[in-house]
Amino acid sequence: MPMENMLAKIDRLAGGRKAGIVVPAEGLKHPRTKRAFAWITWLLVFELALGFGAVVFAMLIATAGESVPFAVWMRTIVVLGMTVTLFYFFWRATKGFYWGYQRLRLFTQIFPVITLVMAAIPGLYPVWMITEQIVFSLVMIGVGDFLTGDHLREVFRKPHD
């Protein structure tokens, strides 16, 4: 029970006043929902692997004696943190929490824009990091596509206040 209390506090912090709203279970059990959740899981796992890969690549470059800009280190840390956060939102959405779905949907629409804008700043990142950011954005757009599809929008229909 202590774990559930801690999760309820995190949900309240992350979900605000809609933290306790849970969608009907039949929507979560639907085969289309399960299929979408499976795809989203694999896309988020890929994002996590991509983030870890960027850290490892930066470390290899640094150990080889090349300079790795501070912006690259910050980007890798931020991406890993964001991805972990997305996993939490996704996990709560799979449990039926409306707020988890909404947060995940919002962030998968915002992160690609921010990432692509940052990648477009001349000289901020090396070419390999720009490529990683573009791939990151494309995968996020894929996750967002599943979340904004008609079926999941119906399952996670906006609750009446």
N, C-alpha and C. Protein backbone atom coordinates (compact mmCIF):
# COMPACT_ATOMS: atom_id res chain seq x y z
N MET A 1 0.80 -1.20 0.00
CA MET A 1 0.00 0.00 0.00
C MET A 1 0.85 1.28 0.00
N PRO A 2 2.04 1.29 0.65
CA PRO A 2 2.85 2.51 0.63
C PRO A 2 3.23 2.92 -0.80
N MET A 3 3.48 1.93 -1.68
CA MET A 3 3.83 2.24 -3.06
C MET A 3 2.66 2.94 -3.76
N GLU A 4 1.46 2.44 -3.53
CA GLU A 4 0.28 3.05 -4.15
C GLU A 4 0.07 4.48 -3.65
N ASN A 5 0.37 4.73 -2.39
CA ASN A 5 0.27 6.09 -1.84
C ASN A 5 1.27 7.02 -2.50
N MET A 6 2.50 6.52 -2.70
CA MET A 6 3.53 7.32 -3.36
C MET A 6 3.11 7.63 -4.81
N LEU A 7 2.61 6.61 -5.51
CA LEU A 7 2.17 6.81 -6.90
C LEU A 7 1.00 7.81 -6.96
N ALA A 8 0.11 7.74 -6.00
CA ALA A 8 -1.02 8.68 -5.97
C ALA A 8 -0.51 10.11 -5.81
N LYS A 9 0.55 10.29 -5.01
CA LYS A 9 1.12 11.63 -4.83
C LYS A 9 1.79 12.12 -6.12
N ILE A 10 2.53 11.20 -6.77
CA ILE A 10 3.16 11.57 -8.04
C ILE A 10 2.09 11.90 -9.08
N ASP A 11 1.03 11.07 -9.12
CA ASP A 11 -0.06 11.31 -10.06
C ASP A 11 -0.71 12.67 -9.80
N ARG A 12 -0.90 12.99 -8.55
CA ARG A 12 -1.52 14.28 -8.20
C ARG A 12 -0.63 15.43 -8.66
N LEU A 13 0.67 15.27 -8.48
CA LEU A 13 1.61 16.30 -8.91
C LEU A 13 1.62 16.41 -10.44
N ALA A 14 1.70 15.28 -11.13
CA ALA A 14 1.79 15.28 -12.60
C ALA A 14 0.44 15.50 -13.28
N GLY A 15 -0.62 15.01 -12.67
CA GLY A 15 -1.93 15.05 -13.31
C GLY A 15 -2.83 16.19 -12.89
N GLY A 16 -2.47 16.87 -11.82
CA GLY A 16 -3.29 17.98 -11.36
C GLY A 16 -4.66 17.53 -10.89
N ARG A 17 -5.66 18.35 -11.14
CA ARG A 17 -7.01 18.06 -10.64
C ARG A 17 -7.66 16.88 -11.34
N LYS A 18 -7.10 16.44 -12.47
CA LYS A 18 -7.66 15.30 -13.18
C LYS A 18 -6.90 14.00 -12.88
N ALA A 19 -6.09 14.03 -11.83
CA ALA A 19 -5.23 12.88 -11.50
C ALA A 19 -6.00 11.61 -11.23
N GLY A 20 -7.19 11.70 -10.68
CA GLY A 20 -7.94 10.50 -10.30
C GLY A 20 -8.89 9.99 -11.37
N ILE A 21 -8.97 10.66 -12.50
CA ILE A 21 -9.92 10.26 -13.53
C ILE A 21 -9.37 9.06 -14.31
N VAL A 22 -10.15 7.99 -14.32
CA VAL A 22 -9.76 6.76 -15.01
C VAL A 22 -10.82 6.48 -16.08
N VAL A 23 -10.35 6.10 -17.26
CA VAL A 23 -11.27 5.81 -18.37
C VAL A 23 -11.88 4.41 -18.17
N PRO A 24 -13.01 4.14 -18.81
CA PRO A 24 -13.63 2.82 -18.69
C PRO A 24 -12.68 1.70 -19.15
N ALA A 25 -12.68 0.62 -18.39
CA ALA A 25 -11.76 -0.51 -18.63
C ALA A 25 -11.98 -1.18 -19.97
N GLU A 26 -13.21 -1.20 -20.48
CA GLU A 26 -13.46 -1.90 -21.75
C GLU A 26 -12.66 -1.28 -22.91
N GLY A 27 -12.44 0.02 -22.87
CA GLY A 27 -11.63 0.67 -23.90
C GLY A 27 -10.18 0.23 -23.86
N LEU A 28 -9.68 0.01 -22.65
CA LEU A 28 -8.29 -0.42 -22.48
C LEU A 28 -8.08 -1.87 -22.92
N LYS A 29 -9.14 -2.66 -22.85
CA LYS A 29 -9.06 -4.08 -23.22
C LYS A 29 -9.26 -4.32 -24.71
N HIS A 30 -9.67 -3.29 -25.43
CA HIS A 30 -9.94 -3.43 -26.86
C HIS A 30 -8.66 -3.81 -27.60
N PRO A 31 -8.74 -4.72 -28.58
CA PRO A 31 -7.54 -5.13 -29.33
C PRO A 31 -6.80 -3.97 -30.01
N ARG A 32 -7.53 -2.98 -30.50
CA ARG A 32 -6.85 -1.83 -31.13
C ARG A 32 -6.06 -1.03 -30.11
N THR A 33 -6.59 -0.93 -28.90
CA THR A 33 -5.86 -0.22 -27.83
C THR A 33 -4.60 -0.99 -27.47
N LYS A 34 -4.74 -2.29 -27.30
CA LYS A 34 -3.58 -3.12 -26.96
C LYS A 34 -2.52 -3.07 -28.05
N ARG A 35 -2.95 -3.08 -29.31
CA ARG A 35 -2.00 -3.02 -30.43
C ARG A 35 -1.28 -1.66 -30.43
N ALA A 36 -2.03 -0.58 -30.24
CA ALA A 36 -1.42 0.76 -30.19
C ALA A 36 -0.44 0.87 -29.03
N PHE A 37 -0.82 0.35 -27.86
CA PHE A 37 0.06 0.38 -26.70
C PHE A 37 1.33 -0.43 -26.94
N ALA A 38 1.21 -1.55 -27.65
CA ALA A 38 2.39 -2.36 -27.96
C ALA A 38 3.35 -1.58 -28.86
N TRP A 39 2.81 -0.94 -29.88
CA TRP A 39 3.66 -0.12 -30.77
C TRP A 39 4.32 1.03 -30.00
N ILE A 40 3.55 1.70 -29.16
CA ILE A 40 4.09 2.82 -28.39
C ILE A 40 5.20 2.33 -27.47
N THR A 41 5.00 1.17 -26.86
CA THR A 41 6.05 0.60 -25.99
C THR A 41 7.35 0.44 -26.76
N TRP A 42 7.29 -0.18 -27.93
CA TRP A 42 8.50 -0.41 -28.71
C TRP A 42 9.13 0.89 -29.20
N LEU A 43 8.31 1.87 -29.55
CA LEU A 43 8.86 3.15 -29.98
C LEU A 43 9.56 3.86 -28.82
N LEU A 44 8.97 3.80 -27.62
CA LEU A 44 9.62 4.42 -26.46
C LEU A 44 10.89 3.67 -26.06
N VAL A 45 10.89 2.35 -26.19
CA VAL A 45 12.11 1.58 -25.92
C VAL A 45 13.20 1.99 -26.92
N PHE A 46 12.81 2.16 -28.17
CA PHE A 46 13.77 2.62 -29.18
C PHE A 46 14.32 4.00 -28.81
N GLU A 47 13.44 4.90 -28.35
CA GLU A 47 13.88 6.24 -27.92
C GLU A 47 14.90 6.14 -26.78
N LEU A 48 14.62 5.24 -25.84
CA LEU A 48 15.54 5.06 -24.72
C LEU A 48 16.89 4.54 -25.21
N ALA A 49 16.87 3.56 -26.11
CA ALA A 49 18.11 3.03 -26.67
C ALA A 49 18.87 4.10 -27.45
N LEU A 50 18.14 4.92 -28.18
CA LEU A 50 18.74 6.02 -28.93
C LEU A 50 19.42 7.00 -27.98
N GLY A 51 18.74 7.32 -26.88
CA GLY A 51 19.31 8.23 -25.88
C GLY A 51 20.56 7.66 -25.23
N PHE A 52 20.51 6.38 -24.85
CA PHE A 52 21.70 5.74 -24.27
C PHE A 52 22.83 5.66 -25.31
N GLY A 53 22.44 5.39 -26.54
CA GLY A 53 23.44 5.33 -27.62
C GLY A 53 24.16 6.65 -27.79
N ALA A 54 23.42 7.75 -27.67
CA ALA A 54 24.03 9.08 -27.79
C ALA A 54 25.02 9.33 -26.66
N VAL A 55 24.66 8.90 -25.45
CA VAL A 55 25.57 9.07 -24.31
C VAL A 55 26.84 8.25 -24.53
N VAL A 56 26.67 7.00 -24.94
CA VAL A 56 27.83 6.12 -25.17
C VAL A 56 28.72 6.69 -26.27
N PHE A 57 28.09 7.16 -27.35
CA PHE A 57 28.86 7.73 -28.46
C PHE A 57 29.64 8.96 -28.00
N ALA A 58 29.00 9.83 -27.23
CA ALA A 58 29.69 11.02 -26.71
C ALA A 58 30.86 10.62 -25.80
N MET A 59 30.65 9.58 -25.00
CA MET A 59 31.72 9.11 -24.11
C MET A 59 32.89 8.54 -24.92
N LEU A 60 32.58 7.80 -25.97
CA LEU A 60 33.63 7.25 -26.83
C LEU A 60 34.44 8.37 -27.49
N ILE A 61 33.75 9.39 -27.94
CA ILE A 61 34.44 10.53 -28.56
C ILE A 61 35.32 11.23 -27.54
N ALA A 62 34.77 11.43 -26.34
CA ALA A 62 35.54 12.11 -25.29
C ALA A 62 36.76 11.28 -24.88
N THR A 63 36.60 9.96 -24.80
CA THR A 63 37.74 9.11 -24.42
C THR A 63 38.79 9.06 -25.51
N ALA A 64 38.37 9.30 -26.74
CA ALA A 64 39.33 9.32 -27.85
C ALA A 64 40.10 10.64 -27.89
N GLY A 65 39.75 11.56 -26.98
CA GLY A 65 40.49 12.81 -26.90
C GLY A 65 39.84 13.98 -27.61
N GLU A 66 38.71 13.75 -28.26
CA GLU A 66 38.03 14.85 -28.93
C GLU A 66 37.17 15.61 -27.93
N SER A 67 36.97 16.86 -28.23
CA SER A 67 36.14 17.70 -27.37
C SER A 67 34.66 17.44 -27.65
N VAL A 68 33.90 17.25 -26.59
CA VAL A 68 32.46 17.09 -26.71
C VAL A 68 31.83 18.33 -26.07
N PRO A 69 31.12 19.12 -26.88
CA PRO A 69 30.54 20.37 -26.35
C PRO A 69 29.58 20.13 -25.18
N PHE A 70 29.53 21.11 -24.29
CA PHE A 70 28.63 21.06 -23.14
C PHE A 70 27.19 20.85 -23.60
N ALA A 71 26.79 21.46 -24.72
CA ALA A 71 25.41 21.33 -25.23
C ALA A 71 25.08 19.88 -25.54
N VAL A 72 26.05 19.11 -25.99
CA VAL A 72 25.82 17.69 -26.29
C VAL A 72 25.55 16.92 -24.99
N TRP A 73 26.38 17.17 -23.97
CA TRP A 73 26.17 16.48 -22.69
C TRP A 73 24.81 16.84 -22.10
N MET A 74 24.45 18.11 -22.14
CA MET A 74 23.15 18.53 -21.61
C MET A 74 22.01 17.88 -22.38
N ARG A 75 22.15 17.84 -23.69
CA ARG A 75 21.10 17.26 -24.54
C ARG A 75 20.90 15.79 -24.21
N THR A 76 21.98 15.05 -24.04
CA THR A 76 21.86 13.62 -23.76
C THR A 76 21.18 13.38 -22.41
N ILE A 77 21.52 14.18 -21.42
CA ILE A 77 20.91 14.04 -20.08
C ILE A 77 19.43 14.40 -20.15
N VAL A 78 19.10 15.49 -20.84
CA VAL A 78 17.71 15.92 -20.94
C VAL A 78 16.87 14.89 -21.68
N VAL A 79 17.39 14.34 -22.76
CA VAL A 79 16.64 13.34 -23.54
C VAL A 79 16.36 12.09 -22.70
N LEU A 80 17.35 11.64 -21.95
CA LEU A 80 17.12 10.47 -21.09
C LEU A 80 16.07 10.77 -20.03
N GLY A 81 16.15 11.93 -19.42
CA GLY A 81 15.15 12.33 -18.43
C GLY A 81 13.76 12.43 -19.03
N MET A 82 13.66 13.01 -20.22
CA MET A 82 12.36 13.13 -20.89
C MET A 82 11.79 11.75 -21.20
N THR A 83 12.63 10.87 -21.67
CA THR A 83 12.16 9.54 -22.06
C THR A 83 11.65 8.77 -20.84
N VAL A 84 12.35 8.86 -19.74
CA VAL A 84 11.89 8.22 -18.51
C VAL A 84 10.53 8.81 -18.10
N THR A 85 10.39 10.10 -18.19
CA THR A 85 9.13 10.75 -17.88
C THR A 85 8.01 10.26 -18.80
N LEU A 86 8.32 10.11 -20.08
CA LEU A 86 7.32 9.62 -21.04
C LEU A 86 6.90 8.20 -20.69
N PHE A 87 7.85 7.38 -20.24
CA PHE A 87 7.50 6.02 -19.82
C PHE A 87 6.53 6.05 -18.65
N TYR A 88 6.75 6.97 -17.71
CA TYR A 88 5.83 7.07 -16.57
C TYR A 88 4.45 7.48 -17.05
N PHE A 89 4.36 8.50 -17.88
CA PHE A 89 3.06 8.92 -18.42
C PHE A 89 2.38 7.77 -19.14
N PHE A 90 3.16 7.05 -19.95
CA PHE A 90 2.61 5.94 -20.72
C PHE A 90 2.12 4.83 -19.81
N TRP A 91 2.90 4.50 -18.81
CA TRP A 91 2.50 3.46 -17.87
C TRP A 91 1.18 3.81 -17.21
N ARG A 92 1.04 5.06 -16.80
CA ARG A 92 -0.21 5.49 -16.15
C ARG A 92 -1.37 5.50 -17.15
N ALA A 93 -1.08 5.83 -18.40
CA ALA A 93 -2.13 5.77 -19.43
C ALA A 93 -2.60 4.33 -19.64
N THR A 94 -1.67 3.37 -19.61
CA THR A 94 -2.06 1.97 -19.78
C THR A 94 -2.92 1.48 -18.62
N LYS A 95 -2.82 2.16 -17.49
CA LYS A 95 -3.67 1.84 -16.33
C LYS A 95 -5.01 2.57 -16.40
N GLY A 96 -5.18 3.37 -17.46
CA GLY A 96 -6.45 4.06 -17.66
C GLY A 96 -6.51 5.49 -17.18
N PHE A 97 -5.41 6.01 -16.68
CA PHE A 97 -5.42 7.38 -16.17
C PHE A 97 -5.45 8.37 -17.34
N TYR A 98 -6.51 9.15 -17.36
CA TYR A 98 -6.72 10.13 -18.42
C TYR A 98 -5.55 11.11 -18.49
N TRP A 99 -5.08 11.57 -17.35
CA TRP A 99 -4.00 12.57 -17.33
C TRP A 99 -2.73 12.02 -17.97
N GLY A 100 -2.43 10.71 -17.76
CA GLY A 100 -1.23 10.11 -18.34
C GLY A 100 -1.26 10.17 -19.86
N TYR A 101 -2.43 9.82 -20.40
CA TYR A 101 -2.61 9.89 -21.85
C TYR A 101 -2.45 11.33 -22.35
N GLN A 102 -3.08 12.26 -21.66
CA GLN A 102 -3.02 13.67 -22.07
C GLN A 102 -1.59 14.21 -22.03
N ARG A 103 -0.87 13.90 -20.96
CA ARG A 103 0.51 14.39 -20.84
C ARG A 103 1.40 13.77 -21.92
N LEU A 104 1.24 12.47 -22.13
CA LEU A 104 2.03 11.80 -23.15
C LEU A 104 1.73 12.38 -24.52
N ARG A 105 0.49 12.58 -24.80
CA ARG A 105 0.08 13.16 -26.10
C ARG A 105 0.65 14.57 -26.28
N LEU A 106 0.55 15.38 -25.24
CA LEU A 106 1.07 16.74 -25.30
C LEU A 106 2.58 16.76 -25.55
N PHE A 107 3.32 15.98 -24.77
CA PHE A 107 4.77 15.99 -24.89
C PHE A 107 5.27 15.40 -26.20
N THR A 108 4.55 14.42 -26.75
CA THR A 108 4.98 13.86 -28.03
C THR A 108 4.68 14.82 -29.18
N GLN A 109 3.89 15.82 -28.93
CA GLN A 109 3.66 16.84 -29.95
C GLN A 109 4.61 18.02 -29.80
N ILE A 110 5.04 18.30 -28.57
CA ILE A 110 5.92 19.44 -28.31
C ILE A 110 7.40 19.08 -28.51
N PHE A 111 7.83 17.93 -27.99
CA PHE A 111 9.25 17.57 -28.04
C PHE A 111 9.84 17.54 -29.44
N PRO A 112 9.14 16.99 -30.44
CA PRO A 112 9.74 16.99 -31.78
C PRO A 112 9.99 18.40 -32.32
N VAL A 113 9.09 19.31 -32.04
CA VAL A 113 9.25 20.68 -32.53
C VAL A 113 10.48 21.32 -31.88
N ILE A 114 10.57 21.20 -30.56
CA ILE A 114 11.71 21.77 -29.84
C ILE A 114 13.02 21.14 -30.32
N THR A 115 13.01 19.83 -30.46
CA THR A 115 14.22 19.11 -30.87
C THR A 115 14.67 19.53 -32.26
N LEU A 116 13.73 19.65 -33.19
CA LEU A 116 14.09 20.04 -34.56
C LEU A 116 14.57 21.49 -34.62
N VAL A 117 13.96 22.36 -33.84
CA VAL A 117 14.41 23.76 -33.80
C VAL A 117 15.84 23.83 -33.25
N MET A 118 16.11 23.07 -32.19
CA MET A 118 17.46 23.06 -31.61
C MET A 118 18.47 22.50 -32.61
N ALA A 119 18.05 21.46 -33.35
CA ALA A 119 18.97 20.86 -34.34
C ALA A 119 19.29 21.83 -35.46
N ALA A 120 18.40 22.78 -35.71
CA ALA A 120 18.59 23.73 -36.80
C ALA A 120 19.49 24.91 -36.44
N ILE A 121 19.85 25.03 -35.17
CA ILE A 121 20.73 26.13 -34.75
C ILE A 121 22.14 25.81 -35.23
N PRO A 122 22.67 26.63 -36.12
CA PRO A 122 24.01 26.35 -36.69
C PRO A 122 25.09 26.29 -35.61
N GLY A 123 25.90 25.23 -35.67
CA GLY A 123 27.05 25.09 -34.80
C GLY A 123 26.76 24.62 -33.38
N LEU A 124 25.50 24.45 -33.02
CA LEU A 124 25.19 24.05 -31.64
C LEU A 124 25.59 22.59 -31.38
N TYR A 125 25.30 21.73 -32.35
CA TYR A 125 25.58 20.30 -32.20
C TYR A 125 26.40 19.79 -33.37
N PRO A 126 27.17 18.72 -33.12
CA PRO A 126 27.87 18.08 -34.25
C PRO A 126 26.85 17.33 -35.12
N VAL A 127 27.27 16.95 -36.30
CA VAL A 127 26.37 16.31 -37.27
C VAL A 127 25.74 15.03 -36.70
N TRP A 128 26.51 14.23 -35.98
CA TRP A 128 25.95 12.98 -35.45
C TRP A 128 24.81 13.27 -34.47
N MET A 129 24.93 14.34 -33.69
CA MET A 129 23.87 14.70 -32.72
C MET A 129 22.65 15.24 -33.45
N ILE A 130 22.86 16.00 -34.51
CA ILE A 130 21.74 16.51 -35.31
C ILE A 130 20.96 15.34 -35.90
N THR A 131 21.70 14.35 -36.40
CA THR A 131 21.06 13.15 -36.96
C THR A 131 20.26 12.44 -35.88
N GLU A 132 20.83 12.30 -34.70
CA GLU A 132 20.14 11.65 -33.58
C GLU A 132 18.87 12.40 -33.22
N GLN A 133 18.94 13.73 -33.25
CA GLN A 133 17.77 14.54 -32.92
C GLN A 133 16.66 14.38 -33.96
N ILE A 134 17.04 14.28 -35.20
CA ILE A 134 16.04 14.10 -36.26
C ILE A 134 15.36 12.74 -36.10
N VAL A 135 16.15 11.70 -35.84
CA VAL A 135 15.56 10.36 -35.62
C VAL A 135 14.67 10.38 -34.39
N PHE A 136 15.14 11.00 -33.30
CA PHE A 136 14.35 11.14 -32.08
C PHE A 136 13.00 11.79 -32.39
N SER A 137 13.03 12.86 -33.15
CA SER A 137 11.81 13.59 -33.49
C SER A 137 10.85 12.74 -34.32
N LEU A 138 11.39 12.02 -35.28
CA LEU A 138 10.55 11.17 -36.13
C LEU A 138 9.85 10.08 -35.31
N VAL A 139 10.58 9.49 -34.38
CA VAL A 139 9.98 8.45 -33.53
C VAL A 139 8.92 9.07 -32.63
N MET A 140 9.20 10.24 -32.06
CA MET A 140 8.20 10.93 -31.23
C MET A 140 6.94 11.25 -32.03
N ILE A 141 7.12 11.66 -33.26
CA ILE A 141 5.96 11.94 -34.13
C ILE A 141 5.16 10.65 -34.32
N GLY A 142 5.86 9.52 -34.45
CA GLY A 142 5.18 8.22 -34.57
C GLY A 142 4.36 7.90 -33.34
N VAL A 143 4.92 8.13 -32.16
CA VAL A 143 4.17 7.90 -30.92
C VAL A 143 2.95 8.82 -30.88
N GLY A 144 3.18 10.09 -31.21
CA GLY A 144 2.07 11.05 -31.23
C GLY A 144 0.99 10.66 -32.21
N ASP A 145 1.37 10.05 -33.33
CA ASP A 145 0.40 9.62 -34.33
C ASP A 145 -0.53 8.55 -33.75
N PHE A 146 0.02 7.59 -33.02
CA PHE A 146 -0.82 6.58 -32.37
C PHE A 146 -1.75 7.23 -31.36
N LEU A 147 -1.22 8.17 -30.58
CA LEU A 147 -2.01 8.79 -29.52
C LEU A 147 -3.13 9.68 -30.04
N THR A 148 -2.94 10.26 -31.21
CA THR A 148 -3.97 11.16 -31.74
C THR A 148 -4.90 10.46 -32.72
N GLY A 149 -4.73 9.15 -32.88
CA GLY A 149 -5.63 8.40 -33.75
C GLY A 149 -7.04 8.39 -33.17
N ASP A 150 -8.00 8.16 -34.03
CA ASP A 150 -9.41 8.18 -33.62
C ASP A 150 -9.70 7.22 -32.47
N HIS A 151 -9.12 6.03 -32.53
CA HIS A 151 -9.46 5.03 -31.52
C HIS A 151 -9.00 5.46 -30.12
N LEU A 152 -7.74 5.83 -29.97
CA LEU A 152 -7.26 6.21 -28.64
C LEU A 152 -7.91 7.50 -28.15
N ARG A 153 -8.20 8.40 -29.06
CA ARG A 153 -8.91 9.62 -28.64
C ARG A 153 -10.30 9.27 -28.12
N GLU A 154 -10.92 8.24 -28.68
CA GLU A 154 -12.23 7.80 -28.20
C GLU A 154 -12.10 7.10 -26.85
N VAL A 155 -11.10 6.25 -26.70
CA VAL A 155 -10.89 5.56 -25.42
C VAL A 155 -10.61 6.57 -24.33
N PHE A 156 -9.81 7.58 -24.62
CA PHE A 156 -9.44 8.60 -23.64
C PHE A 156 -10.20 9.91 -23.90
N ARG A 157 -11.48 9.75 -24.13
CA ARG A 157 -12.35 10.91 -24.38
C ARG A 157 -12.31 11.86 -23.18
N LYS A 158 -12.31 13.15 -23.49
CA LYS A 158 -12.21 14.17 -22.43
C LYS A 158 -13.37 14.02 -21.45
N PRO A 159 -13.04 13.89 -20.18
CA PRO A 159 -14.09 13.74 -19.16
C PRO A 159 -14.84 15.06 -18.96
N HIS A 160 -16.09 14.91 -18.60
CA HIS A 160 -16.90 16.11 -18.31
C HIS A 160 -16.60 16.55 -16.89
N ASP A 161 -16.32 17.86 -16.75
CA ASP A 161 -15.99 18.40 -15.41
C ASP A 161 -17.21 18.52 -14.54
